Amino acid sequence: SSVLSYMTDGVIATDRKGRIILINEPAAKMLDVSRETVLSEPI
């Protein structure tokens, strides 16, 4: 969590079906989305 929080790059993780299970703050800002609303959405 510390690494993901302080990374300047955006990181997105999915499950084996391509649904988003993790997105860090830089990635949410880059894509201009809310972290809570994109969880479980196909990448």
ModelCIF file with pLDDT and N, C-alpha, C, O atoms, coordinates in Angstrom:
data_MODEL
#
_entry.id   MODEL 
#
_entity.id                         1 
_entity.type                       polymer 
_entity.pdbx_number_of_molecules   1 
#
_entity_poly.entity_id                      1 
_entity_poly.type                           'polypeptide(L)' 
_entity_poly.nstd_linkage                   no 
_entity_poly.nstd_monomer                   no 
_entity_poly.pdbx_seq_one_letter_code       SSVLSYMTDGVIATDRKGRIILINEPAAKMLDVSRETVLSEPI 
_entity_poly.pdbx_seq_one_letter_code_can   SSVLSYMTDGVIATDRKGRIILINEPAAKMLDVSRETVLSEPI 
_entity_poly.pdbx_strand_id                 A 
#
loop_
_entity_poly_seq.entity_id 
_entity_poly_seq.num 
_entity_poly_seq.mon_id 
_entity_poly_seq.hetero 
1 1  SER n 
1 2  SER n 
1 3  VAL n 
1 4  LEU n 
1 5  SER n 
1 6  TYR n 
1 7  MET n 
1 8  THR n 
1 9  ASP n 
1 10 GLY n 
1 11 VAL n 
1 12 ILE n 
1 13 ALA n 
1 14 THR n 
1 15 ASP n 
1 16 ARG n 
1 17 LYS n 
1 18 GLY n 
1 19 ARG n 
1 20 ILE n 
1 21 ILE n 
1 22 LEU n 
1 23 ILE n 
1 24 ASN n 
1 25 GLU n 
1 26 PRO n 
1 27 ALA n 
1 28 ALA n 
1 29 LYS n 
1 30 MET n 
1 31 LEU n 
1 32 ASP n 
1 33 VAL n 
1 34 SER n 
1 35 ARG n 
1 36 GLU n 
1 37 THR n 
1 38 VAL n 
1 39 LEU n 
1 40 SER n 
1 41 GLU n 
1 42 PRO n 
1 43 ILE n 
#
_struct_asym.id          A 
_struct_asym.entity_id   1 
#
loop_
_ma_qa_metric.id 
_ma_qa_metric.mode 
_ma_qa_metric.name 
_ma_qa_metric.software_group_id 
_ma_qa_metric.type 
1 global pLDDT . pLDDT 
2 local  pLDDT . pLDDT 
#
_ma_qa_metric_global.metric_id      1 
_ma_qa_metric_global.metric_value   83.88 
_ma_qa_metric_global.model_id       1 
_ma_qa_metric_global.ordinal_id     1 
#
loop_
_ma_qa_metric_local.label_asym_id 
_ma_qa_metric_local.label_comp_id 
_ma_qa_metric_local.label_seq_id 
_ma_qa_metric_local.metric_id 
_ma_qa_metric_local.metric_value 
_ma_qa_metric_local.model_id 
_ma_qa_metric_local.ordinal_id 
A SER 1  2 69.00 1 1  
A SER 2  2 69.00 1 2  
A VAL 3  2 69.00 1 3  
A LEU 4  2 67.00 1 4  
A SER 5  2 67.00 1 5  
A TYR 6  2 67.00 1 6  
A MET 7  2 72.00 1 7  
A THR 8  2 74.00 1 8  
A ASP 9  2 83.00 1 9  
A GLY 10 2 87.00 1 10 
A VAL 11 2 88.00 1 11 
A ILE 12 2 88.00 1 12 
A ALA 13 2 89.00 1 13 
A THR 14 2 90.00 1 14 
A ASP 15 2 89.00 1 15 
A ARG 16 2 86.00 1 16 
A LYS 17 2 88.00 1 17 
A GLY 18 2 88.00 1 18 
A ARG 19 2 91.00 1 19 
A ILE 20 2 90.00 1 20 
A ILE 21 2 87.00 1 21 
A LEU 22 2 86.00 1 22 
A ILE 23 2 87.00 1 23 
A ASN 24 2 86.00 1 24 
A GLU 25 2 85.00 1 25 
A PRO 26 2 86.00 1 26 
A ALA 27 2 87.00 1 27 
A ALA 28 2 86.00 1 28 
A LYS 29 2 87.00 1 29 
A MET 30 2 87.00 1 30 
A LEU 31 2 88.00 1 31 
A ASP 32 2 87.00 1 32 
A VAL 33 2 89.00 1 33 
A SER 34 2 87.00 1 34 
A ARG 35 2 80.00 1 35 
A GLU 36 2 84.00 1 36 
A THR 37 2 87.00 1 37 
A VAL 38 2 86.00 1 38 
A LEU 39 2 87.00 1 39 
A SER 40 2 88.00 1 40 
A GLU 41 2 91.00 1 41 
A PRO 42 2 90.00 1 42 
A ILE 43 2 88.00 1 43 
#
loop_
_atom_site.group_PDB 
_atom_site.id 
_atom_site.type_symbol 
_atom_site.label_atom_id 
_atom_site.label_alt_id 
_atom_site.label_comp_id 
_atom_site.label_asym_id 
_atom_site.label_entity_id 
_atom_site.label_seq_id 
_atom_site.pdbx_PDB_ins_code 
_atom_site.Cartn_x 
_atom_site.Cartn_y 
_atom_site.Cartn_z 
_atom_site.occupancy 
_atom_site.B_iso_or_equiv 
_atom_site.pdbx_formal_charge 
_atom_site.auth_seq_id 
_atom_site.auth_comp_id 
_atom_site.auth_asym_id 
_atom_site.auth_atom_id 
_atom_site.pdbx_PDB_model_num 
ATOM 1   N N  . SER A 1 1  ? 0.829   -1.204  0.000   1.00 69.00 ? 1  SER A N  1 
ATOM 2   C CA . SER A 1 1  ? 0.000   0.000   0.000   1.00 69.00 ? 1  SER A CA 1 
ATOM 3   C C  . SER A 1 1  ? 0.863   1.252   0.000   1.00 69.00 ? 1  SER A C  1 
ATOM 4   O O  . SER A 1 1  ? 0.557   2.228   -0.686  1.00 69.00 ? 1  SER A O  1 
ATOM 5   N N  . SER A 1 2  ? 1.962   1.219   0.786   1.00 69.00 ? 2  SER A N  1 
ATOM 6   C CA . SER A 1 2  ? 2.857   2.373   0.823   1.00 69.00 ? 2  SER A CA 1 
ATOM 7   C C  . SER A 1 2  ? 3.512   2.588   -0.533  1.00 69.00 ? 2  SER A C  1 
ATOM 8   O O  . SER A 1 2  ? 3.621   3.717   -1.011  1.00 69.00 ? 2  SER A O  1 
ATOM 9   N N  . VAL A 1 3  ? 3.945   1.489   -1.146  1.00 69.00 ? 3  VAL A N  1 
ATOM 10  C CA . VAL A 1 3  ? 4.589   1.595   -2.467  1.00 69.00 ? 3  VAL A CA 1 
ATOM 11  C C  . VAL A 1 3  ? 3.611   2.157   -3.488  1.00 69.00 ? 3  VAL A C  1 
ATOM 12  O O  . VAL A 1 3  ? 3.945   3.059   -4.256  1.00 69.00 ? 3  VAL A O  1 
ATOM 13  N N  . LEU A 1 4  ? 2.353   1.592   -3.487  1.00 67.00 ? 4  LEU A N  1 
ATOM 14  C CA . LEU A 1 4  ? 1.361   2.038   -4.459  1.00 67.00 ? 4  LEU A CA 1 
ATOM 15  C C  . LEU A 1 4  ? 0.964   3.491   -4.232  1.00 67.00 ? 4  LEU A C  1 
ATOM 16  O O  . LEU A 1 4  ? 0.711   4.230   -5.184  1.00 67.00 ? 4  LEU A O  1 
ATOM 17  N N  . SER A 1 5  ? 0.912   3.903   -2.938  1.00 67.00 ? 5  SER A N  1 
ATOM 18  C CA . SER A 1 5  ? 0.502   5.272   -2.633  1.00 67.00 ? 5  SER A CA 1 
ATOM 19  C C  . SER A 1 5  ? 1.513   6.295   -3.093  1.00 67.00 ? 5  SER A C  1 
ATOM 20  O O  . SER A 1 5  ? 1.147   7.372   -3.564  1.00 67.00 ? 5  SER A O  1 
ATOM 21  N N  . TYR A 1 6  ? 2.799   5.960   -2.958  1.00 67.00 ? 6  TYR A N  1 
ATOM 22  C CA . TYR A 1 6  ? 3.844   6.926   -3.281  1.00 67.00 ? 6  TYR A CA 1 
ATOM 23  C C  . TYR A 1 6  ? 4.376   6.785   -4.701  1.00 67.00 ? 6  TYR A C  1 
ATOM 24  O O  . TYR A 1 6  ? 5.268   7.527   -5.113  1.00 67.00 ? 6  TYR A O  1 
ATOM 25  N N  . MET A 1 7  ? 3.833   5.838   -5.443  1.00 72.00 ? 7  MET A N  1 
ATOM 26  C CA . MET A 1 7  ? 4.234   5.716   -6.842  1.00 72.00 ? 7  MET A CA 1 
ATOM 27  C C  . MET A 1 7  ? 3.642   6.864   -7.655  1.00 72.00 ? 7  MET A C  1 
ATOM 28  O O  . MET A 1 7  ? 2.489   7.251   -7.463  1.00 72.00 ? 7  MET A O  1 
ATOM 29  N N  . THR A 1 8  ? 4.425   7.382   -8.535  1.00 74.00 ? 8  THR A N  1 
ATOM 30  C CA . THR A 1 8  ? 3.902   8.417   -9.438  1.00 74.00 ? 8  THR A CA 1 
ATOM 31  C C  . THR A 1 8  ? 3.177   7.797   -10.617 1.00 74.00 ? 8  THR A C  1 
ATOM 32  O O  . THR A 1 8  ? 2.346   8.444   -11.255 1.00 74.00 ? 8  THR A O  1 
ATOM 33  N N  . ASP A 1 9  ? 3.491   6.539   -10.906 1.00 83.00 ? 9  ASP A N  1 
ATOM 34  C CA . ASP A 1 9  ? 2.814   5.839   -11.991 1.00 83.00 ? 9  ASP A CA 1 
ATOM 35  C C  . ASP A 1 9  ? 1.502   5.245   -11.473 1.00 83.00 ? 9  ASP A C  1 
ATOM 36  O O  . ASP A 1 9  ? 1.366   4.931   -10.290 1.00 83.00 ? 9  ASP A O  1 
ATOM 37  N N  . GLY A 1 10 ? 0.554   5.102   -12.380 1.00 87.00 ? 10 GLY A N  1 
ATOM 38  C CA . GLY A 1 10 ? -0.716  4.491   -12.019 1.00 87.00 ? 10 GLY A CA 1 
ATOM 39  C C  . GLY A 1 10 ? -0.626  2.980   -12.100 1.00 87.00 ? 10 GLY A C  1 
ATOM 40  O O  . GLY A 1 10 ? 0.004   2.441   -13.010 1.00 87.00 ? 10 GLY A O  1 
ATOM 41  N N  . VAL A 1 11 ? -1.249  2.292   -11.157 1.00 88.00 ? 11 VAL A N  1 
ATOM 42  C CA . VAL A 1 11 ? -1.241  0.826   -11.117 1.00 88.00 ? 11 VAL A CA 1 
ATOM 43  C C  . VAL A 1 11 ? -2.676  0.338   -10.996 1.00 88.00 ? 11 VAL A C  1 
ATOM 44  O O  . VAL A 1 11 ? -3.444  0.812   -10.158 1.00 88.00 ? 11 VAL A O  1 
ATOM 45  N N  . ILE A 1 12 ? -3.023  -0.623  -11.856 1.00 88.00 ? 12 ILE A N  1 
ATOM 46  C CA . ILE A 1 12 ? -4.356  -1.237  -11.835 1.00 88.00 ? 12 ILE A CA 1 
ATOM 47  C C  . ILE A 1 12 ? -4.169  -2.747  -11.829 1.00 88.00 ? 12 ILE A C  1 
ATOM 48  O O  . ILE A 1 12 ? -3.394  -3.278  -12.625 1.00 88.00 ? 12 ILE A O  1 
ATOM 49  N N  . ALA A 1 13 ? -4.874  -3.447  -10.937 1.00 89.00 ? 13 ALA A N  1 
ATOM 50  C CA . ALA A 1 13 ? -4.822  -4.912  -10.875 1.00 89.00 ? 13 ALA A CA 1 
ATOM 51  C C  . ALA A 1 13 ? -6.216  -5.471  -11.136 1.00 89.00 ? 13 ALA A C  1 
ATOM 52  O O  . ALA A 1 13 ? -7.217  -4.901  -10.703 1.00 89.00 ? 13 ALA A O  1 
ATOM 53  N N  . THR A 1 14 ? -6.268  -6.594  -11.851 1.00 90.00 ? 14 THR A N  1 
ATOM 54  C CA . THR A 1 14 ? -7.552  -7.235  -12.158 1.00 90.00 ? 14 THR A CA 1 
ATOM 55  C C  . THR A 1 14 ? -7.538  -8.679  -11.675 1.00 90.00 ? 14 THR A C  1 
ATOM 56  O O  . THR A 1 14 ? -6.488  -9.235  -11.354 1.00 90.00 ? 14 THR A O  1 
ATOM 57  N N  . ASP A 1 15 ? -8.734  -9.277  -11.632 1.00 89.00 ? 15 ASP A N  1 
ATOM 58  C CA . ASP A 1 15 ? -8.824  -10.710 -11.359 1.00 89.00 ? 15 ASP A CA 1 
ATOM 59  C C  . ASP A 1 15 ? -8.683  -11.460 -12.678 1.00 89.00 ? 15 ASP A C  1 
ATOM 60  O O  . ASP A 1 15 ? -8.406  -10.860 -13.717 1.00 89.00 ? 15 ASP A O  1 
ATOM 61  N N  . ARG A 1 16 ? -8.873  -12.764 -12.627 1.00 86.00 ? 16 ARG A N  1 
ATOM 62  C CA . ARG A 1 16 ? -8.627  -13.576 -13.836 1.00 86.00 ? 16 ARG A CA 1 
ATOM 63  C C  . ARG A 1 16 ? -9.682  -13.354 -14.924 1.00 86.00 ? 16 ARG A C  1 
ATOM 64  O O  . ARG A 1 16 ? -9.504  -13.802 -16.056 1.00 86.00 ? 16 ARG A O  1 
ATOM 65  N N  . LYS A 1 17 ? -10.787 -12.662 -14.585 1.00 88.00 ? 17 LYS A N  1 
ATOM 66  C CA . LYS A 1 17 ? -11.804 -12.367 -15.580 1.00 88.00 ? 17 LYS A CA 1 
ATOM 67  C C  . LYS A 1 17 ? -11.700 -10.941 -16.114 1.00 88.00 ? 17 LYS A C  1 
ATOM 68  O O  . LYS A 1 17 ? -12.535 -10.501 -16.904 1.00 88.00 ? 17 LYS A O  1 
ATOM 69  N N  . GLY A 1 18 ? -10.668 -10.227 -15.678 1.00 88.00 ? 18 GLY A N  1 
ATOM 70  C CA . GLY A 1 18 ? -10.458 -8.875  -16.183 1.00 88.00 ? 18 GLY A CA 1 
ATOM 71  C C  . GLY A 1 18 ? -11.198 -7.806  -15.428 1.00 88.00 ? 18 GLY A C  1 
ATOM 72  O O  . GLY A 1 18 ? -11.244 -6.658  -15.872 1.00 88.00 ? 18 GLY A O  1 
ATOM 73  N N  . ARG A 1 19 ? -11.789 -8.152  -14.279 1.00 91.00 ? 19 ARG A N  1 
ATOM 74  C CA . ARG A 1 19 ? -12.481 -7.149  -13.458 1.00 91.00 ? 19 ARG A CA 1 
ATOM 75  C C  . ARG A 1 19 ? -11.485 -6.491  -12.504 1.00 91.00 ? 19 ARG A C  1 
ATOM 76  O O  . ARG A 1 19 ? -10.632 -7.166  -11.929 1.00 91.00 ? 19 ARG A O  1 
ATOM 77  N N  . ILE A 1 20 ? -11.597 -5.175  -12.339 1.00 90.00 ? 20 ILE A N  1 
ATOM 78  C CA . ILE A 1 20 ? -10.647 -4.408  -11.528 1.00 90.00 ? 20 ILE A CA 1 
ATOM 79  C C  . ILE A 1 20 ? -10.849 -4.728  -10.052 1.00 90.00 ? 20 ILE A C  1 
ATOM 80  O O  . ILE A 1 20 ? -11.965 -4.652  -9.538  1.00 90.00 ? 20 ILE A O  1 
ATOM 81  N N  . ILE A 1 21 ? -9.747  -5.090  -9.366  1.00 87.00 ? 21 ILE A N  1 
ATOM 82  C CA . ILE A 1 21 ? -9.797  -5.354  -7.927  1.00 87.00 ? 21 ILE A CA 1 
ATOM 83  C C  . ILE A 1 21 ? -8.946  -4.364  -7.149  1.00 87.00 ? 21 ILE A C  1 
ATOM 84  O O  . ILE A 1 21 ? -9.062  -4.287  -5.926  1.00 87.00 ? 21 ILE A O  1 
ATOM 85  N N  . LEU A 1 22 ? -8.085  -3.597  -7.836  1.00 86.00 ? 22 LEU A N  1 
ATOM 86  C CA . LEU A 1 22 ? -7.238  -2.614  -7.152  1.00 86.00 ? 22 LEU A CA 1 
ATOM 87  C C  . LEU A 1 22 ? -6.857  -1.523  -8.127  1.00 86.00 ? 22 LEU A C  1 
ATOM 88  O O  . LEU A 1 22 ? -6.538  -1.790  -9.285  1.00 86.00 ? 22 LEU A O  1 
ATOM 89  N N  . ILE A 1 23 ? -6.894  -0.291  -7.650  1.00 87.00 ? 23 ILE A N  1 
ATOM 90  C CA . ILE A 1 23 ? -6.442  0.850   -8.443  1.00 87.00 ? 23 ILE A CA 1 
ATOM 91  C C  . ILE A 1 23 ? -5.888  1.882   -7.472  1.00 87.00 ? 23 ILE A C  1 
ATOM 92  O O  . ILE A 1 23 ? -6.558  2.249   -6.507  1.00 87.00 ? 23 ILE A O  1 
ATOM 93  N N  . ASN A 1 24 ? -4.650  2.362   -7.724  1.00 86.00 ? 24 ASN A N  1 
ATOM 94  C CA . ASN A 1 24 ? -4.064  3.327   -6.790  1.00 86.00 ? 24 ASN A CA 1 
ATOM 95  C C  . ASN A 1 24 ? -4.493  4.754   -7.160  1.00 86.00 ? 24 ASN A C  1 
ATOM 96  O O  . ASN A 1 24 ? -5.093  4.988   -8.210  1.00 86.00 ? 24 ASN A O  1 
ATOM 97  N N  . GLU A 1 25 ? -4.175  5.679   -6.285  1.00 85.00 ? 25 GLU A N  1 
ATOM 98  C CA . GLU A 1 25 ? -4.633  7.057   -6.454  1.00 85.00 ? 25 GLU A CA 1 
ATOM 99  C C  . GLU A 1 25 ? -4.100  7.710   -7.727  1.00 85.00 ? 25 GLU A C  1 
ATOM 100 O O  . GLU A 1 25 ? -4.862  8.377   -8.426  1.00 85.00 ? 25 GLU A O  1 
ATOM 101 N N  . PRO A 1 26 ? -2.799  7.540   -8.057  1.00 86.00 ? 26 PRO A N  1 
ATOM 102 C CA . PRO A 1 26 ? -2.334  8.147   -9.318  1.00 86.00 ? 26 PRO A CA 1 
ATOM 103 C C  . PRO A 1 26 ? -3.100  7.647   -10.538 1.00 86.00 ? 26 PRO A C  1 
ATOM 104 O O  . PRO A 1 26 ? -3.402  8.425   -11.443 1.00 86.00 ? 26 PRO A O  1 
ATOM 105 N N  . ALA A 1 27 ? -3.416  6.346   -10.569 1.00 87.00 ? 27 ALA A N  1 
ATOM 106 C CA . ALA A 1 27 ? -4.168  5.809   -11.710 1.00 87.00 ? 27 ALA A CA 1 
ATOM 107 C C  . ALA A 1 27 ? -5.565  6.417   -11.760 1.00 87.00 ? 27 ALA A C  1 
ATOM 108 O O  . ALA A 1 27 ? -6.049  6.764   -12.837 1.00 87.00 ? 27 ALA A O  1 
ATOM 109 N N  . ALA A 1 28 ? -6.223  6.553   -10.598 1.00 86.00 ? 28 ALA A N  1 
ATOM 110 C CA . ALA A 1 28 ? -7.563  7.156   -10.563 1.00 86.00 ? 28 ALA A CA 1 
ATOM 111 C C  . ALA A 1 28 ? -7.523  8.601   -11.050 1.00 86.00 ? 28 ALA A C  1 
ATOM 112 O O  . ALA A 1 28 ? -8.427  9.049   -11.756 1.00 86.00 ? 28 ALA A O  1 
ATOM 113 N N  . LYS A 1 29 ? -6.465  9.332   -10.670 1.00 87.00 ? 29 LYS A N  1 
ATOM 114 C CA . LYS A 1 29 ? -6.345  10.725  -11.123 1.00 87.00 ? 29 LYS A CA 1 
ATOM 115 C C  . LYS A 1 29 ? -6.063  10.787  -12.614 1.00 87.00 ? 29 LYS A C  1 
ATOM 116 O O  . LYS A 1 29 ? -6.620  11.629  -13.318 1.00 87.00 ? 29 LYS A O  1 
ATOM 117 N N  . MET A 1 30 ? -5.187  9.885   -13.109 1.00 87.00 ? 30 MET A N  1 
ATOM 118 C CA . MET A 1 30 ? -4.874  9.892   -14.540 1.00 87.00 ? 30 MET A CA 1 
ATOM 119 C C  . MET A 1 30 ? -6.117  9.650   -15.392 1.00 87.00 ? 30 MET A C  1 
ATOM 120 O O  . MET A 1 30 ? -6.298  10.274  -16.437 1.00 87.00 ? 30 MET A O  1 
ATOM 121 N N  . LEU A 1 31 ? -6.980  8.725   -14.926 1.00 88.00 ? 31 LEU A N  1 
ATOM 122 C CA . LEU A 1 31 ? -8.167  8.367   -15.699 1.00 88.00 ? 31 LEU A CA 1 
ATOM 123 C C  . LEU A 1 31 ? -9.386  9.181   -15.286 1.00 88.00 ? 31 LEU A C  1 
ATOM 124 O O  . LEU A 1 31 ? -10.465 9.023   -15.858 1.00 88.00 ? 31 LEU A O  1 
ATOM 125 N N  . ASP A 1 32 ? -9.212  10.072  -14.272 1.00 87.00 ? 32 ASP A N  1 
ATOM 126 C CA . ASP A 1 32 ? -10.280 10.937  -13.802 1.00 87.00 ? 32 ASP A CA 1 
ATOM 127 C C  . ASP A 1 32 ? -11.523 10.125  -13.405 1.00 87.00 ? 32 ASP A C  1 
ATOM 128 O O  . ASP A 1 32 ? -12.632 10.382  -13.874 1.00 87.00 ? 32 ASP A O  1 
ATOM 129 N N  . VAL A 1 33 ? -11.299 9.135   -12.524 1.00 89.00 ? 33 VAL A N  1 
ATOM 130 C CA . VAL A 1 33 ? -12.389 8.286   -12.046 1.00 89.00 ? 33 VAL A CA 1 
ATOM 131 C C  . VAL A 1 33 ? -12.290 8.179   -10.529 1.00 89.00 ? 33 VAL A C  1 
ATOM 132 O O  . VAL A 1 33 ? -11.275 8.533   -9.929  1.00 89.00 ? 33 VAL A O  1 
ATOM 133 N N  . SER A 1 34 ? -13.351 7.691   -9.929  1.00 87.00 ? 34 SER A N  1 
ATOM 134 C CA . SER A 1 34 ? -13.372 7.419   -8.495  1.00 87.00 ? 34 SER A CA 1 
ATOM 135 C C  . SER A 1 34 ? -12.977 5.975   -8.255  1.00 87.00 ? 34 SER A C  1 
ATOM 136 O O  . SER A 1 34 ? -13.441 5.074   -8.954  1.00 87.00 ? 34 SER A O  1 
ATOM 137 N N  . ARG A 1 35 ? -12.120 5.753   -7.267  1.00 80.00 ? 35 ARG A N  1 
ATOM 138 C CA . ARG A 1 35 ? -11.634 4.398   -6.997  1.00 80.00 ? 35 ARG A CA 1 
ATOM 139 C C  . ARG A 1 35 ? -12.775 3.461   -6.629  1.00 80.00 ? 35 ARG A C  1 
ATOM 140 O O  . ARG A 1 35 ? -12.742 2.280   -6.975  1.00 80.00 ? 35 ARG A O  1 
ATOM 141 N N  . GLU A 1 36 ? -13.792 3.977   -5.925  1.00 84.00 ? 36 GLU A N  1 
ATOM 142 C CA . GLU A 1 36 ? -14.877 3.115   -5.476  1.00 84.00 ? 36 GLU A CA 1 
ATOM 143 C C  . GLU A 1 36 ? -15.782 2.696   -6.636  1.00 84.00 ? 36 GLU A C  1 
ATOM 144 O O  . GLU A 1 36 ? -16.307 1.582   -6.635  1.00 84.00 ? 36 GLU A O  1 
ATOM 145 N N  . THR A 1 37 ? -15.968 3.567   -7.618  1.00 87.00 ? 37 THR A N  1 
ATOM 146 C CA . THR A 1 37 ? -16.923 3.282   -8.694  1.00 87.00 ? 37 THR A CA 1 
ATOM 147 C C  . THR A 1 37 ? -16.365 2.346   -9.762  1.00 87.00 ? 37 THR A C  1 
ATOM 148 O O  . THR A 1 37 ? -17.138 1.709   -10.477 1.00 87.00 ? 37 THR A O  1 
ATOM 149 N N  . VAL A 1 38 ? -15.036 2.247   -9.888  1.00 86.00 ? 38 VAL A N  1 
ATOM 150 C CA . VAL A 1 38 ? -14.463 1.427   -10.961 1.00 86.00 ? 38 VAL A CA 1 
ATOM 151 C C  . VAL A 1 38 ? -14.158 0.010   -10.522 1.00 86.00 ? 38 VAL A C  1 
ATOM 152 O O  . VAL A 1 38 ? -13.856 -0.837  -11.362 1.00 86.00 ? 38 VAL A O  1 
ATOM 153 N N  . LEU A 1 39 ? -14.228 -0.274  -9.230  1.00 87.00 ? 39 LEU A N  1 
ATOM 154 C CA . LEU A 1 39 ? -13.969 -1.643  -8.775  1.00 87.00 ? 39 LEU A CA 1 
ATOM 155 C C  . LEU A 1 39 ? -15.004 -2.578  -9.378  1.00 87.00 ? 39 LEU A C  1 
ATOM 156 O O  . LEU A 1 39 ? -16.192 -2.259  -9.425  1.00 87.00 ? 39 LEU A O  1 
ATOM 157 N N  . SER A 1 40 ? -14.541 -3.743  -9.843  1.00 88.00 ? 40 SER A N  1 
ATOM 158 C CA . SER A 1 40 ? -15.362 -4.778  -10.513 1.00 88.00 ? 40 SER A CA 1 
ATOM 159 C C  . SER A 1 40 ? -15.712 -4.403  -11.951 1.00 88.00 ? 40 SER A C  1 
ATOM 160 O O  . SER A 1 40 ? -16.376 -5.181  -12.635 1.00 88.00 ? 40 SER A O  1 
ATOM 161 N N  . GLU A 1 41 ? -15.283 -3.236  -12.426 1.00 91.00 ? 41 GLU A N  1 
ATOM 162 C CA . GLU A 1 41 ? -15.532 -2.869  -13.823 1.00 91.00 ? 41 GLU A CA 1 
ATOM 163 C C  . GLU A 1 41 ? -14.468 -3.518  -14.718 1.00 91.00 ? 41 GLU A C  1 
ATOM 164 O O  . GLU A 1 41 ? -13.302 -3.579  -14.326 1.00 91.00 ? 41 GLU A O  1 
ATOM 165 N N  . PRO A 1 42 ? -14.838 -4.002  -15.905 1.00 90.00 ? 42 PRO A N  1 
ATOM 166 C CA . PRO A 1 42 ? -13.830 -4.586  -16.813 1.00 90.00 ? 42 PRO A CA 1 
ATOM 167 C C  . PRO A 1 42 ? -12.781 -3.542  -17.192 1.00 90.00 ? 42 PRO A C  1 
ATOM 168 O O  . PRO A 1 42 ? -13.112 -2.387  -17.461 1.00 90.00 ? 42 PRO A O  1 
ATOM 169 N N  . ILE A 1 43 ? -11.522 -3.954  -17.211 1.00 88.00 ? 43 ILE A N  1 
ATOM 170 C CA . ILE A 1 43 ? -10.427 -3.011  -17.463 1.00 88.00 ? 43 ILE A CA 1 
ATOM 171 C C  . ILE A 1 43 ? -10.458 -2.481  -18.890 1.00 88.00 ? 43 ILE A C  1 
ATOM 172 O O  . ILE A 1 43 ? -9.606  -1.677  -19.268 1.00 88.00 ? 43 ILE A O  1 
#
